[in-house]
Amino acid sequence: MSFGETGARITENAFPTGSPDQRFERVVEYAPNAMILIGTDGTMEMVNAQTEIIFGYARSELLGQPIEMLVPERFRAGHPNLRGSYTNHPNPRPMGAGRDLYALRKDGSEFPVEIGLNPISDGENMQILAAISDISERKHREEQIARSLREKETLLSEVHHRVKNNLQIIHSLLDMQTSSVIDIQAREALIDSCNRVRSMAQIHQSLYQSEDIAKVNFADFCESLISSLLATFNVDITRVRVESDLADVQLAIDQAVPCGLIANELITNALKHGFPDGAEGQIEVSTKMIDADVVELRVSDNGRGMPDNFKLGTTDGLGLQLIELLVDQIGGDIDVLTDQDTTFVITFRIGS
């Protein structure tokens, strides 16, 4: 079965009208992809019009030639073995799944292709029908998209880096100002502001160092935050122990910043007010997923506890007011448990 060697069309009387052979060859001839029928010896026995267009050969130049003439030189030596392997285990499938495939035009240029293979048997001989698609335009679009994404990732990473640096400058300026302030209450306010700025800077540092610059590993951030706060308040870790149990929680920047500030305020409050006059105790910080997309942040201490008349929403403390505002910003809920230890429990939905 083959087309004539000089024309792209099939003559009307080549087969009885409507015969299976005629219908098959019409389907192949006018297919939108290059279609090549390969014999058991690896030669091309049939090609369609699209094959001539894609590869730049006349039909007469292809028929009877080895299929390897359309394979780039660097792949040509191993191609007969691959073809033989397919002949031994024939089944309809894409060729080279997961690999980039290339074909060779008459002018010597290479182009990316997708190839589908189908075995055709007449009972005695087995032929291979290869459907070949030129995917040059698609590859070009994919490369453009990939390049654009890389550029945007580089820009976003640089933005996070610049923001982090600017926040660190602000932190340094506040820290310098703290040393010159005599009033104890004003100095504490400046120290708290320094810690809040540093908390935001640490989040941007996490983003800048992360492979995924759209997400923050909140566990890593919390560990870094705890270390910073212990150093800031010069905590004797043999007197006040900080235990952490942090699940792998990934947060986007719009939730990571307020969550980081919430953690900063809760740990700061426990360190500043929970263990006065040399008291000993423990602070526990934990995060976990309580549902597929619901996070629980828990900060607990066994210090002196909250005042007897404590109630959320009625305190004048800036830290607790800030916590309530930030929890509302992330669409979360806050509970305060004071039965034994003082425990703040914040739950929120990722991406809400």
C-alpha atoms as a PDB file:
ATOM      1  CA  MET A   1       0.000   0.000   0.000  1.00  0.00           C
ATOM      2  CA  SER A   2       1.555   3.331  -1.051  1.00  0.00           C
ATOM      3  CA  PHE A   3       0.834   6.635  -2.699  1.00  0.00           C
ATOM      4  CA  GLY A   4       2.129   7.499  -6.154  1.00  0.00           C
ATOM      5  CA  GLU A   5       5.569   9.035  -6.067  1.00  0.00           C
ATOM      6  CA  THR A   6       4.860  12.266  -7.920  1.00  0.00           C
ATOM      7  CA  GLY A   7       1.608  13.732  -6.667  1.00  0.00           C
ATOM      8  CA  ALA A   8      -0.008  14.657  -3.373  1.00  0.00           C
ATOM      9  CA  ARG A   9      -3.499  13.582  -4.401  1.00  0.00           C
ATOM     10  CA  ILE A  10      -4.985  10.134  -4.744  1.00  0.00           C
ATOM     11  CA  THR A  11      -6.603   9.360  -8.085  1.00  0.00           C
ATOM     12  CA  GLU A  12     -10.312   8.673  -7.877  1.00  0.00           C
ATOM     13  CA  ASN A  13      -9.970   5.223  -9.477  1.00  0.00           C
ATOM     14  CA  ALA A  14      -7.025   4.049  -7.393  1.00  0.00           C
ATOM     15  CA  PHE A  15      -9.370   1.857  -5.372  1.00  0.00           C
ATOM     16  CA  PRO A  16     -13.022   0.871  -5.706  1.00  0.00           C
ATOM     17  CA  THR A  17     -15.112   3.801  -4.489  1.00  0.00           C
ATOM     18  CA  GLY A  18     -15.569   3.693  -0.736  1.00  0.00           C
ATOM     19  CA  SER A  19     -13.243   0.711  -0.189  1.00  0.00           C
ATOM     20  CA  PRO A  20     -11.474   0.483   3.220  1.00  0.00           C
ATOM     21  CA  ASP A  21      -8.067   1.089   1.579  1.00  0.00           C
ATOM     22  CA  GLN A  22      -9.321   4.208  -0.169  1.00  0.00           C
ATOM     23  CA  ARG A  23     -10.931   5.588   2.960  1.00  0.00           C
ATOM     24  CA  PHE A  24      -7.772   4.906   5.008  1.00  0.00           C
ATOM     25  CA  GLU A  25      -5.534   6.643   2.493  1.00  0.00           C
ATOM     26  CA  ARG A  26      -7.854   9.653   2.264  1.00  0.00           C
ATOM     27  CA  VAL A  27      -7.812  10.036   6.056  1.00  0.00           C
ATOM     28  CA  VAL A  28      -4.023   9.800   6.097  1.00  0.00           C
ATOM     29  CA  GLU A  29      -3.477  12.080   3.097  1.00  0.00           C
ATOM     30  CA  TYR A  30      -5.484  14.983   4.475  1.00  0.00           C
ATOM     31  CA  ALA A  31      -4.510  14.591   8.145  1.00  0.00           C
ATOM     32  CA  PRO A  32      -3.244  17.836   9.749  1.00  0.00           C
ATOM     33  CA  ASN A  33      -0.077  16.058  10.962  1.00  0.00           C
ATOM     34  CA  ALA A  34       2.724  14.450   8.991  1.00  0.00           C
ATOM     35  CA  MET A  35       1.818  10.775   8.580  1.00  0.00           C
ATOM     36  CA  ILE A  36       4.504   8.237   7.621  1.00  0.00           C
ATOM     37  CA  LEU A  37       4.000   4.505   7.179  1.00  0.00           C
ATOM     38  CA  ILE A  38       7.236   2.649   7.975  1.00  0.00           C
ATOM     39  CA  GLY A  39       7.915  -0.890   6.827  1.00  0.00           C
ATOM     40  CA  THR A  40       9.586  -3.719   8.716  1.00  0.00           C
ATOM     41  CA  ASP A  41      12.943  -2.761   7.200  1.00  0.00           C
ATOM     42  CA  GLY A  42      12.657   0.827   8.423  1.00  0.00           C
ATOM     43  CA  THR A  43      11.929   2.406   5.036  1.00  0.00           C
ATOM     44  CA  MET A  44       9.130   4.869   4.381  1.00  0.00           C
ATOM     45  CA  GLU A  45       6.350   3.202   2.402  1.00  0.00           C
ATOM     46  CA  MET A  46       3.789   5.969   2.533  1.00  0.00           C
ATOM     47  CA  VAL A  47       3.792   9.684   3.313  1.00  0.00           C
ATOM     48  CA  ASN A  48       1.092  12.335   3.162  1.00  0.00           C
ATOM     49  CA  ALA A  49       0.987  15.913   1.925  1.00  0.00           C
ATOM     50  CA  GLN A  50       1.696  17.380   5.357  1.00  0.00           C
ATOM     51  CA  THR A  51       4.935  15.388   5.518  1.00  0.00           C
ATOM     52  CA  GLU A  52       6.148  17.207   2.388  1.00  0.00           C
ATOM     53  CA  ILE A  53       5.206  20.576   3.895  1.00  0.00           C
ATOM     54  CA  ILE A  54       6.800  19.972   7.313  1.00  0.00           C
ATOM     55  CA  PHE A  55      10.020  18.332   6.166  1.00  0.00           C
ATOM     56  CA  GLY A  56      10.531  20.176   2.864  1.00  0.00           C
ATOM     57  CA  TYR A  57      10.992  17.023   0.789  1.00  0.00           C
ATOM     58  CA  ALA A  58       9.065  15.976  -2.303  1.00  0.00           C
ATOM     59  CA  ARG A  59       7.267  12.708  -1.835  1.00  0.00           C
ATOM     60  CA  SER A  60       9.517  10.994  -4.368  1.00  0.00           C
ATOM     61  CA  GLU A  61      12.543  11.880  -2.237  1.00  0.00           C
ATOM     62  CA  LEU A  62      11.115  10.100   0.811  1.00  0.00           C
ATOM     63  CA  LEU A  63       9.478   6.904  -0.413  1.00  0.00           C
ATOM     64  CA  GLY A  64      11.765   3.913  -0.069  1.00  0.00           C
ATOM     65  CA  GLN A  65      14.275   5.840   2.064  1.00  0.00           C
ATOM     66  CA  PRO A  66      15.137   4.914   5.671  1.00  0.00           C
ATOM     67  CA  ILE A  67      13.192   6.830   8.291  1.00  0.00           C
ATOM     68  CA  GLU A  68      16.539   7.762   9.873  1.00  0.00           C
ATOM     69  CA  MET A  69      17.000  10.437   7.171  1.00  0.00           C
ATOM     70  CA  LEU A  70      14.465  12.514   9.135  1.00  0.00           C
ATOM     71  CA  VAL A  71      16.299  11.996  12.439  1.00  0.00           C
ATOM     72  CA  PRO A  72      18.997  14.511  13.522  1.00  0.00           C
ATOM     73  CA  GLU A  73      22.533  13.205  13.146  1.00  0.00           C
ATOM     74  CA  ARG A  74      23.228  13.108  16.888  1.00  0.00           C
ATOM     75  CA  PHE A  75      20.294  10.706  17.453  1.00  0.00           C
ATOM     76  CA  ARG A  76      20.567   8.701  14.269  1.00  0.00           C
ATOM     77  CA  ALA A  77      22.918   5.919  15.407  1.00  0.00           C
ATOM     78  CA  GLY A  78      20.624   4.725  18.198  1.00  0.00           C
ATOM     79  CA  HIS A  79      17.364   5.055  16.311  1.00  0.00           C
ATOM     80  CA  PRO A  80      17.334   1.577  14.636  1.00  0.00           C
ATOM     81  CA  ASN A  81      17.570  -0.073  18.067  1.00  0.00           C
ATOM     82  CA  LEU A  82      14.664   1.988  19.345  1.00  0.00           C
ATOM     83  CA  ARG A  83      12.641   1.127  16.268  1.00  0.00           C
ATOM     84  CA  GLY A  84      13.482  -2.574  16.710  1.00  0.00           C
ATOM     85  CA  SER A  85      12.417  -2.429  20.356  1.00  0.00           C
ATOM     86  CA  TYR A  86       9.058  -0.990  19.348  1.00  0.00           C
ATOM     87  CA  THR A  87       8.624  -3.686  16.662  1.00  0.00           C
ATOM     88  CA  ASN A  88       9.150  -6.370  19.316  1.00  0.00           C
ATOM     89  CA  HIS A  89       6.554  -4.807  21.620  1.00  0.00           C
ATOM     90  CA  PRO A  90       4.121  -2.902  19.385  1.00  0.00           C
ATOM     91  CA  ASN A  91       1.341  -0.884  20.934  1.00  0.00           C
ATOM     92  CA  PRO A  92      -0.249   2.521  20.274  1.00  0.00           C
ATOM     93  CA  ARG A  93       1.681   5.090  22.319  1.00  0.00           C
ATOM     94  CA  PRO A  94       3.572   8.361  22.141  1.00  0.00           C
ATOM     95  CA  MET A  95       7.224   8.064  21.209  1.00  0.00           C
ATOM     96  CA  GLY A  96       9.834   9.048  23.786  1.00  0.00           C
ATOM     97  CA  ALA A  97       7.350   9.959  26.507  1.00  0.00           C
ATOM     98  CA  GLY A  98       8.924  12.510  28.832  1.00  0.00           C
ATOM     99  CA  ARG A  99      11.779  13.341  26.445  1.00  0.00           C
ATOM    100  CA  ASP A 100      12.257  16.196  24.004  1.00  0.00           C
ATOM    101  CA  LEU A 101      12.137  14.872  20.442  1.00  0.00           C
ATOM    102  CA  TYR A 102      13.550  16.586  17.358  1.00  0.00           C
ATOM    103  CA  ALA A 103      13.261  15.983  13.621  1.00  0.00           C
ATOM    104  CA  LEU A 104      15.416  17.071  10.675  1.00  0.00           C
ATOM    105  CA  ARG A 105      14.231  19.079   7.648  1.00  0.00           C
ATOM    106  CA  LYS A 106      15.717  18.858   4.177  1.00  0.00           C
ATOM    107  CA  ASP A 107      17.520  22.173   4.704  1.00  0.00           C
ATOM    108  CA  GLY A 108      19.342  20.717   7.721  1.00  0.00           C
ATOM    109  CA  SER A 109      17.362  22.607  10.357  1.00  0.00           C
ATOM    110  CA  GLU A 110      16.020  20.796  13.409  1.00  0.00           C
ATOM    111  CA  PHE A 111      12.636  21.354  15.024  1.00  0.00           C
ATOM    112  CA  PRO A 112      10.828  19.930  18.076  1.00  0.00           C
ATOM    113  CA  VAL A 113       8.155  17.317  17.431  1.00  0.00           C
ATOM    114  CA  GLU A 114       5.618  15.072  19.098  1.00  0.00           C
ATOM    115  CA  ILE A 115       5.268  11.603  17.616  1.00  0.00           C
ATOM    116  CA  GLY A 116       2.480   9.086  18.046  1.00  0.00           C
ATOM    117  CA  LEU A 117       3.134   5.473  17.019  1.00  0.00           C
ATOM    118  CA  ASN A 118       0.539   2.928  15.913  1.00  0.00           C
ATOM    119  CA  PRO A 119       1.258  -0.638  14.765  1.00  0.00           C
ATOM    120  CA  ILE A 120      -0.557  -1.803  11.607  1.00  0.00           C
ATOM    121  CA  SER A 121      -0.549  -5.500  10.697  1.00  0.00           C
ATOM    122  CA  ASP A 122      -1.973  -7.311   7.691  1.00  0.00           C
ATOM    123  CA  GLY A 123      -1.475 -10.690   9.323  1.00  0.00           C
ATOM    124  CA  GLU A 124       1.967 -11.291   7.860  1.00  0.00           C
ATOM    125  CA  ASN A 125       3.883  -8.029   8.106  1.00  0.00           C
ATOM    126  CA  MET A 126       3.830  -5.354  10.799  1.00  0.00           C
ATOM    127  CA  GLN A 127       4.153  -1.716   9.788  1.00  0.00           C
ATOM    128  CA  ILE A 128       4.364   1.394  11.941  1.00  0.00           C
ATOM    129  CA  LEU A 129       2.237   4.459  11.286  1.00  0.00           C
ATOM    130  CA  ALA A 130       3.934   7.547  12.777  1.00  0.00           C
ATOM    131  CA  ALA A 131       1.940  10.733  13.291  1.00  0.00           C
ATOM    132  CA  ILE A 132       4.366  13.673  13.613  1.00  0.00           C
ATOM    133  CA  SER A 133       3.420  17.157  14.878  1.00  0.00           C
ATOM    134  CA  ASP A 134       5.656  20.204  14.598  1.00  0.00           C
ATOM    135  CA  ILE A 135       5.474  21.849  18.037  1.00  0.00           C
ATOM    136  CA  SER A 136       7.908  24.691  17.347  1.00  0.00           C
ATOM    137  CA  GLU A 137       5.336  27.428  18.066  1.00  0.00           C
ATOM    138  CA  ARG A 138       4.197  25.781  21.272  1.00  0.00           C
ATOM    139  CA  LYS A 139       7.781  25.352  22.474  1.00  0.00           C
ATOM    140  CA  HIS A 140       8.472  29.001  21.659  1.00  0.00           C
ATOM    141  CA  ARG A 141       5.437  30.104  23.697  1.00  0.00           C
ATOM    142  CA  GLU A 142       6.467  27.858  26.585  1.00  0.00           C
ATOM    143  CA  GLU A 143       9.973  29.321  26.556  1.00  0.00           C
ATOM    144  CA  GLN A 144       8.551  32.854  26.520  1.00  0.00           C
ATOM    145  CA  ILE A 145       6.292  32.043  29.481  1.00  0.00           C
ATOM    146  CA  ALA A 146       9.154  30.394  31.384  1.00  0.00           C
ATOM    147  CA  ARG A 147      11.412  33.390  30.709  1.00  0.00           C
ATOM    148  CA  SER A 148       8.702  35.794  31.845  1.00  0.00           C
ATOM    149  CA  LEU A 149       8.164  33.790  35.039  1.00  0.00           C
ATOM    150  CA  ARG A 150      11.879  33.783  35.779  1.00  0.00           C
ATOM    151  CA  GLU A 151      12.015  37.548  35.309  1.00  0.00           C
ATOM    152  CA  LYS A 152       9.025  38.065  37.606  1.00  0.00           C
ATOM    153  CA  GLU A 153      10.487  35.738  40.237  1.00  0.00           C
ATOM    154  CA  THR A 154      13.764  37.643  40.102  1.00  0.00           C
ATOM    155  CA  LEU A 155      11.925  40.949  40.457  1.00  0.00           C
ATOM    156  CA  LEU A 156       9.789  39.680  43.346  1.00  0.00           C
ATOM    157  CA  SER A 157      12.828  38.265  45.094  1.00  0.00           C
ATOM    158  CA  GLU A 158      14.597  41.601  44.724  1.00  0.00           C
ATOM    159  CA  VAL A 159      11.546  43.439  46.104  1.00  0.00           C
ATOM    160  CA  HIS A 160      11.509  41.199  49.187  1.00  0.00           C
ATOM    161  CA  HIS A 161      15.245  41.768  49.616  1.00  0.00           C
ATOM    162  CA  ARG A 162      14.855  45.550  49.386  1.00  0.00           C
ATOM    163  CA  VAL A 163      11.898  45.556  51.798  1.00  0.00           C
ATOM    164  CA  LYS A 164      13.860  43.446  54.280  1.00  0.00           C
ATOM    165  CA  ASN A 165      16.853  45.781  54.079  1.00  0.00           C
ATOM    166  CA  ASN A 166      14.678  48.874  54.550  1.00  0.00           C
ATOM    167  CA  LEU A 167      12.969  47.307  57.573  1.00  0.00           C
ATOM    168  CA  GLN A 168      16.358  46.462  59.046  1.00  0.00           C
ATOM    169  CA  ILE A 169      17.427  50.092  58.615  1.00  0.00           C
ATOM    170  CA  ILE A 170      14.280  51.240  60.428  1.00  0.00           C
ATOM    171  CA  HIS A 171      14.993  48.691  63.167  1.00  0.00           C
ATOM    172  CA  SER A 172      18.547  49.990  63.541  1.00  0.00           C
ATOM    173  CA  LEU A 173      17.361  53.605  63.752  1.00  0.00           C
ATOM    174  CA  LEU A 174      14.811  52.734  66.457  1.00  0.00           C
ATOM    175  CA  ASP A 175      17.422  50.696  68.320  1.00  0.00           C
ATOM    176  CA  MET A 176      19.845  53.622  68.251  1.00  0.00           C
ATOM    177  CA  GLN A 177      17.124  55.934  69.519  1.00  0.00           C
ATOM    178  CA  THR A 178      16.331  53.522  72.364  1.00  0.00           C
ATOM    179  CA  SER A 179      19.784  53.893  73.876  1.00  0.00           C
ATOM    180  CA  SER A 180      19.308  57.662  74.271  1.00  0.00           C
ATOM    181  CA  VAL A 181      15.837  57.540  75.863  1.00  0.00           C
ATOM    182  CA  ILE A 182      15.789  57.923  79.644  1.00  0.00           C
ATOM    183  CA  ASP A 183      12.068  57.367  80.280  1.00  0.00           C
ATOM    184  CA  ILE A 184      11.565  53.642  80.972  1.00  0.00           C
ATOM    185  CA  GLN A 185       8.056  53.489  79.500  1.00  0.00           C
ATOM    186  CA  ALA A 186       9.151  55.230  76.290  1.00  0.00           C
ATOM    187  CA  ARG A 187      12.167  52.947  76.022  1.00  0.00           C
ATOM    188  CA  GLU A 188       9.980  49.823  76.332  1.00  0.00           C
ATOM    189  CA  ALA A 189       7.677  51.181  73.643  1.00  0.00           C
ATOM    190  CA  LEU A 190      10.648  51.670  71.321  1.00  0.00           C
ATOM    191  CA  ILE A 191      11.929  48.158  72.060  1.00  0.00           C
ATOM    192  CA  ASP A 192       8.506  46.711  71.246  1.00  0.00           C
ATOM    193  CA  SER A 193       8.443  48.671  67.996  1.00  0.00           C
ATOM    194  CA  CYS A 194      11.937  47.372  67.158  1.00  0.00           C
ATOM    195  CA  ASN A 195      10.755  43.798  67.668  1.00  0.00           C
ATOM    196  CA  ARG A 196       7.702  44.310  65.450  1.00  0.00           C
ATOM    197  CA  VAL A 197       9.790  45.761  62.653  1.00  0.00           C
ATOM    198  CA  ARG A 198      12.329  42.955  63.013  1.00  0.00           C
ATOM    199  CA  SER A 199       9.518  40.386  62.858  1.00  0.00           C
ATOM    200  CA  MET A 200       8.394  41.759  59.498  1.00  0.00           C
ATOM    201  CA  ALA A 201      11.992  41.867  58.262  1.00  0.00           C
ATOM    202  CA  GLN A 202      12.474  38.215  59.221  1.00  0.00           C
ATOM    203  CA  ILE A 203       9.438  37.211  57.172  1.00  0.00           C
ATOM    204  CA  HIS A 204      10.858  38.935  54.111  1.00  0.00           C
ATOM    205  CA  GLN A 205      14.213  37.318  54.822  1.00  0.00           C
ATOM    206  CA  SER A 206      12.461  33.921  54.830  1.00  0.00           C
ATOM    207  CA  LEU A 207      10.831  34.714  51.502  1.00  0.00           C
ATOM    208  CA  TYR A 208      14.083  35.914  49.977  1.00  0.00           C
ATOM    209  CA  GLN A 209      15.885  32.715  50.984  1.00  0.00           C
ATOM    210  CA  SER A 210      13.037  30.378  50.029  1.00  0.00           C
ATOM    211  CA  GLU A 211      12.867  28.446  46.759  1.00  0.00           C
ATOM    212  CA  ASP A 212       9.177  29.400  46.650  1.00  0.00           C
ATOM    213  CA  ILE A 213       9.204  33.174  46.996  1.00  0.00           C
ATOM    214  CA  ALA A 214       5.414  33.250  47.263  1.00  0.00           C
ATOM    215  CA  LYS A 215       5.339  31.243  50.513  1.00  0.00           C
ATOM    216  CA  VAL A 216       6.857  31.502  53.981  1.00  0.00           C
ATOM    217  CA  ASN A 217       7.781  28.432  56.016  1.00  0.00           C
ATOM    218  CA  PHE A 218       6.156  29.610  59.219  1.00  0.00           C
ATOM    219  CA  ALA A 219       7.943  27.023  61.380  1.00  0.00           C
ATOM    220  CA  ASP A 220      11.361  28.335  60.325  1.00  0.00           C
ATOM    221  CA  PHE A 221      10.192  31.888  60.945  1.00  0.00           C
ATOM    222  CA  CYS A 222       8.947  31.066  64.463  1.00  0.00           C
ATOM    223  CA  GLU A 223      12.238  29.400  65.404  1.00  0.00           C
ATOM    224  CA  SER A 224      14.133  32.477  64.223  1.00  0.00           C
ATOM    225  CA  LEU A 225      11.696  34.789  66.044  1.00  0.00           C
ATOM    226  CA  ILE A 226      12.076  32.910  69.333  1.00  0.00           C
ATOM    227  CA  SER A 227      15.867  33.147  69.160  1.00  0.00           C
ATOM    228  CA  SER A 228      15.698  36.896  68.450  1.00  0.00           C
ATOM    229  CA  LEU A 229      13.305  37.611  71.317  1.00  0.00           C
ATOM    230  CA  LEU A 230      15.325  35.581  73.807  1.00  0.00           C
ATOM    231  CA  ALA A 231      18.377  37.643  72.880  1.00  0.00           C
ATOM    232  CA  THR A 232      16.469  40.948  72.980  1.00  0.00           C
ATOM    233  CA  PHE A 233      15.128  40.375  76.503  1.00  0.00           C
ATOM    234  CA  ASN A 234      18.343  38.688  77.671  1.00  0.00           C
ATOM    235  CA  VAL A 235      16.362  35.703  78.952  1.00  0.00           C
ATOM    236  CA  ASP A 236      18.069  33.146  81.168  1.00  0.00           C
ATOM    237  CA  ILE A 237      17.045  29.983  79.312  1.00  0.00           C
ATOM    238  CA  THR A 238      17.706  27.889  82.420  1.00  0.00           C
ATOM    239  CA  ARG A 239      15.027  29.928  84.211  1.00  0.00           C
ATOM    240  CA  VAL A 240      12.483  30.407  81.413  1.00  0.00           C
ATOM    241  CA  ARG A 241      12.410  27.595  78.861  1.00  0.00           C
ATOM    242  CA  VAL A 242      10.778  28.032  75.464  1.00  0.00           C
ATOM    243  CA  GLU A 243       9.552  24.808  73.880  1.00  0.00           C
ATOM    244  CA  SER A 244       8.346  24.699  70.260  1.00  0.00           C
ATOM    245  CA  ASP A 245       6.300  22.141  68.355  1.00  0.00           C
ATOM    246  CA  LEU A 246       5.927  23.597  64.890  1.00  0.00           C
ATOM    247  CA  ALA A 247       4.241  21.838  61.981  1.00  0.00           C
ATOM    248  CA  ASP A 248       5.227  22.545  58.386  1.00  0.00           C
ATOM    249  CA  VAL A 249       2.850  25.404  57.573  1.00  0.00           C
ATOM    250  CA  GLN A 250       3.339  27.394  54.360  1.00  0.00           C
ATOM    251  CA  LEU A 251       1.797  30.880  54.350  1.00  0.00           C
ATOM    252  CA  ALA A 252       1.449  33.487  51.625  1.00  0.00           C
ATOM    253  CA  ILE A 253       2.928  36.912  52.334  1.00  0.00           C
ATOM    254  CA  ASP A 254      -0.460  38.548  53.051  1.00  0.00           C
ATOM    255  CA  GLN A 255      -1.016  36.104  55.937  1.00  0.00           C
ATOM    256  CA  ALA A 256       2.595  35.539  56.951  1.00  0.00           C
ATOM    257  CA  VAL A 257       3.184  39.157  58.002  1.00  0.00           C
ATOM    258  CA  PRO A 258       0.172  39.463  60.356  1.00  0.00           C
ATOM    259  CA  CYS A 259       0.766  35.934  61.704  1.00  0.00           C
ATOM    260  CA  GLY A 260       4.387  36.800  62.348  1.00  0.00           C
ATOM    261  CA  LEU A 261       3.344  39.910  64.249  1.00  0.00           C
ATOM    262  CA  ILE A 262       0.792  37.906  66.252  1.00  0.00           C
ATOM    263  CA  ALA A 263       3.458  35.382  67.260  1.00  0.00           C
ATOM    264  CA  ASN A 264       5.809  38.241  68.132  1.00  0.00           C
ATOM    265  CA  GLU A 265       3.242  39.913  70.399  1.00  0.00           C
ATOM    266  CA  LEU A 266       2.228  36.699  72.181  1.00  0.00           C
ATOM    267  CA  ILE A 267       5.786  35.524  72.866  1.00  0.00           C
ATOM    268  CA  THR A 268       6.863  39.035  73.855  1.00  0.00           C
ATOM    269  CA  ASN A 269       3.980  39.353  76.348  1.00  0.00           C
ATOM    270  CA  ALA A 270       4.870  36.014  77.917  1.00  0.00           C
ATOM    271  CA  LEU A 271       8.561  36.912  78.230  1.00  0.00           C
ATOM    272  CA  LYS A 272       7.926  40.432  79.585  1.00  0.00           C
ATOM    273  CA  HIS A 273       5.051  39.809  81.975  1.00  0.00           C
ATOM    274  CA  GLY A 274       4.770  36.089  82.657  1.00  0.00           C
ATOM    275  CA  PHE A 275       7.789  35.549  84.912  1.00  0.00           C
ATOM    276  CA  PRO A 276       8.539  38.604  87.091  1.00  0.00           C
ATOM    277  CA  ASP A 277      11.087  38.788  89.890  1.00  0.00           C
ATOM    278  CA  GLY A 278      13.160  35.813  88.746  1.00  0.00           C
ATOM    279  CA  ALA A 279      10.245  33.367  88.536  1.00  0.00           C
ATOM    280  CA  GLU A 280      10.841  30.159  86.634  1.00  0.00           C
ATOM    281  CA  GLY A 281       8.583  28.551  84.060  1.00  0.00           C
ATOM    282  CA  GLN A 282       7.978  27.505  80.519  1.00  0.00           C
ATOM    283  CA  ILE A 283       6.551  28.960  77.315  1.00  0.00           C
ATOM    284  CA  GLU A 284       5.187  26.642  74.641  1.00  0.00           C
ATOM    285  CA  VAL A 285       4.744  27.683  71.007  1.00  0.00           C
ATOM    286  CA  SER A 286       3.052  25.326  68.562  1.00  0.00           C
ATOM    287  CA  THR A 287       1.483  25.307  65.135  1.00  0.00           C
ATOM    288  CA  LYS A 288      -0.521  22.535  63.516  1.00  0.00           C
ATOM    289  CA  MET A 289      -3.012  21.870  60.749  1.00  0.00           C
ATOM    290  CA  ILE A 290      -6.365  20.999  62.312  1.00  0.00           C
ATOM    291  CA  ASP A 291      -7.996  20.613  58.907  1.00  0.00           C
ATOM    292  CA  ALA A 292      -6.844  20.504  55.297  1.00  0.00           C
ATOM    293  CA  ASP A 293      -6.569  24.306  55.183  1.00  0.00           C
ATOM    294  CA  VAL A 294      -7.042  25.432  58.796  1.00  0.00           C
ATOM    295  CA  VAL A 295      -4.039  26.421  60.931  1.00  0.00           C
ATOM    296  CA  GLU A 296      -3.863  26.610  64.699  1.00  0.00           C
ATOM    297  CA  LEU A 297      -1.249  28.824  66.369  1.00  0.00           C
ATOM    298  CA  ARG A 298      -0.968  28.244  70.124  1.00  0.00           C
ATOM    299  CA  VAL A 299       1.186  30.163  72.627  1.00  0.00           C
ATOM    300  CA  SER A 300       1.022  29.048  76.261  1.00  0.00           C
ATOM    301  CA  ASP A 301       2.899  29.886  79.452  1.00  0.00           C
ATOM    302  CA  ASN A 302       2.696  28.737  83.067  1.00  0.00           C
ATOM    303  CA  GLY A 303       3.662  32.118  84.475  1.00  0.00           C
ATOM    304  CA  ARG A 304       1.699  34.399  86.774  1.00  0.00           C
ATOM    305  CA  GLY A 305      -1.360  34.422  84.514  1.00  0.00           C
ATOM    306  CA  MET A 306      -3.793  37.101  83.407  1.00  0.00           C
ATOM    307  CA  PRO A 307      -5.624  39.501  85.732  1.00  0.00           C
ATOM    308  CA  ASP A 308      -8.831  38.157  87.269  1.00  0.00           C
ATOM    309  CA  ASN A 309     -10.990  40.609  85.343  1.00  0.00           C
ATOM    310  CA  PHE A 310      -9.219  39.989  82.015  1.00  0.00           C
ATOM    311  CA  LYS A 311     -11.464  39.962  78.965  1.00  0.00           C
ATOM    312  CA  LEU A 312     -10.566  40.328  75.305  1.00  0.00           C
ATOM    313  CA  GLY A 313     -11.660  43.637  73.825  1.00  0.00           C
ATOM    314  CA  THR A 314     -11.526  45.517  77.113  1.00  0.00           C
ATOM    315  CA  THR A 315      -7.766  45.823  77.662  1.00  0.00           C
ATOM    316  CA  ASP A 316      -5.852  49.029  77.093  1.00  0.00           C
ATOM    317  CA  GLY A 317      -2.619  47.230  76.218  1.00  0.00           C
ATOM    318  CA  LEU A 318      -1.387  48.014  72.725  1.00  0.00           C
ATOM    319  CA  GLY A 319      -0.045  44.484  72.231  1.00  0.00           C
ATOM    320  CA  LEU A 320      -3.370  42.741  72.872  1.00  0.00           C
ATOM    321  CA  GLN A 321      -5.273  45.321  70.822  1.00  0.00           C
ATOM    322  CA  LEU A 322      -2.829  44.724  67.968  1.00  0.00           C
ATOM    323  CA  ILE A 323      -3.317  40.941  68.258  1.00  0.00           C
ATOM    324  CA  GLU A 324      -7.097  41.301  67.952  1.00  0.00           C
ATOM    325  CA  LEU A 325      -6.761  43.560  64.906  1.00  0.00           C
ATOM    326  CA  LEU A 326      -4.320  41.178  63.217  1.00  0.00           C
ATOM    327  CA  VAL A 327      -6.472  38.115  63.901  1.00  0.00           C
ATOM    328  CA  ASP A 328      -9.405  39.949  62.347  1.00  0.00           C
ATOM    329  CA  GLN A 329      -7.201  40.861  59.359  1.00  0.00           C
ATOM    330  CA  ILE A 330      -6.513  37.194  58.562  1.00  0.00           C
ATOM    331  CA  GLY A 331     -10.143  36.216  59.123  1.00  0.00           C
ATOM    332  CA  GLY A 332      -9.283  34.116  62.169  1.00  0.00           C
ATOM    333  CA  ASP A 333     -10.620  33.437  65.659  1.00  0.00           C
ATOM    334  CA  ILE A 334      -8.894  33.884  69.009  1.00  0.00           C
ATOM    335  CA  ASP A 335      -9.561  32.108  72.297  1.00  0.00           C
ATOM    336  CA  VAL A 336      -7.870  32.736  75.633  1.00  0.00           C
ATOM    337  CA  LEU A 337      -7.754  29.852  78.122  1.00  0.00           C
ATOM    338  CA  THR A 338      -6.848  30.729  81.715  1.00  0.00           C
ATOM    339  CA  ASP A 339      -7.907  27.631  83.678  1.00  0.00           C
ATOM    340  CA  GLN A 340      -4.330  26.603  84.466  1.00  0.00           C
ATOM    341  CA  ASP A 341      -1.732  27.965  82.072  1.00  0.00           C
ATOM    342  CA  THR A 342      -2.422  31.097  80.056  1.00  0.00           C
ATOM    343  CA  THR A 343      -3.008  29.944  76.499  1.00  0.00           C
ATOM    344  CA  PHE A 344      -3.785  31.964  73.406  1.00  0.00           C
ATOM    345  CA  VAL A 345      -5.243  29.902  70.559  1.00  0.00           C
ATOM    346  CA  ILE A 346      -5.557  31.489  67.112  1.00  0.00           C
ATOM    347  CA  THR A 347      -7.188  29.545  64.265  1.00  0.00           C
ATOM    348  CA  PHE A 348      -7.503  30.715  60.690  1.00  0.00           C
ATOM    349  CA  ARG A 349      -8.038  29.359  57.221  1.00  0.00           C
ATOM    350  CA  ILE A 350      -5.143  29.503  54.764  1.00  0.00           C
ATOM    351  CA  GLY A 351      -5.926  31.838  51.896  1.00  0.00           C
ATOM    352  CA  SER A 352      -9.079  33.245  53.471  1.00  0.00           C
END
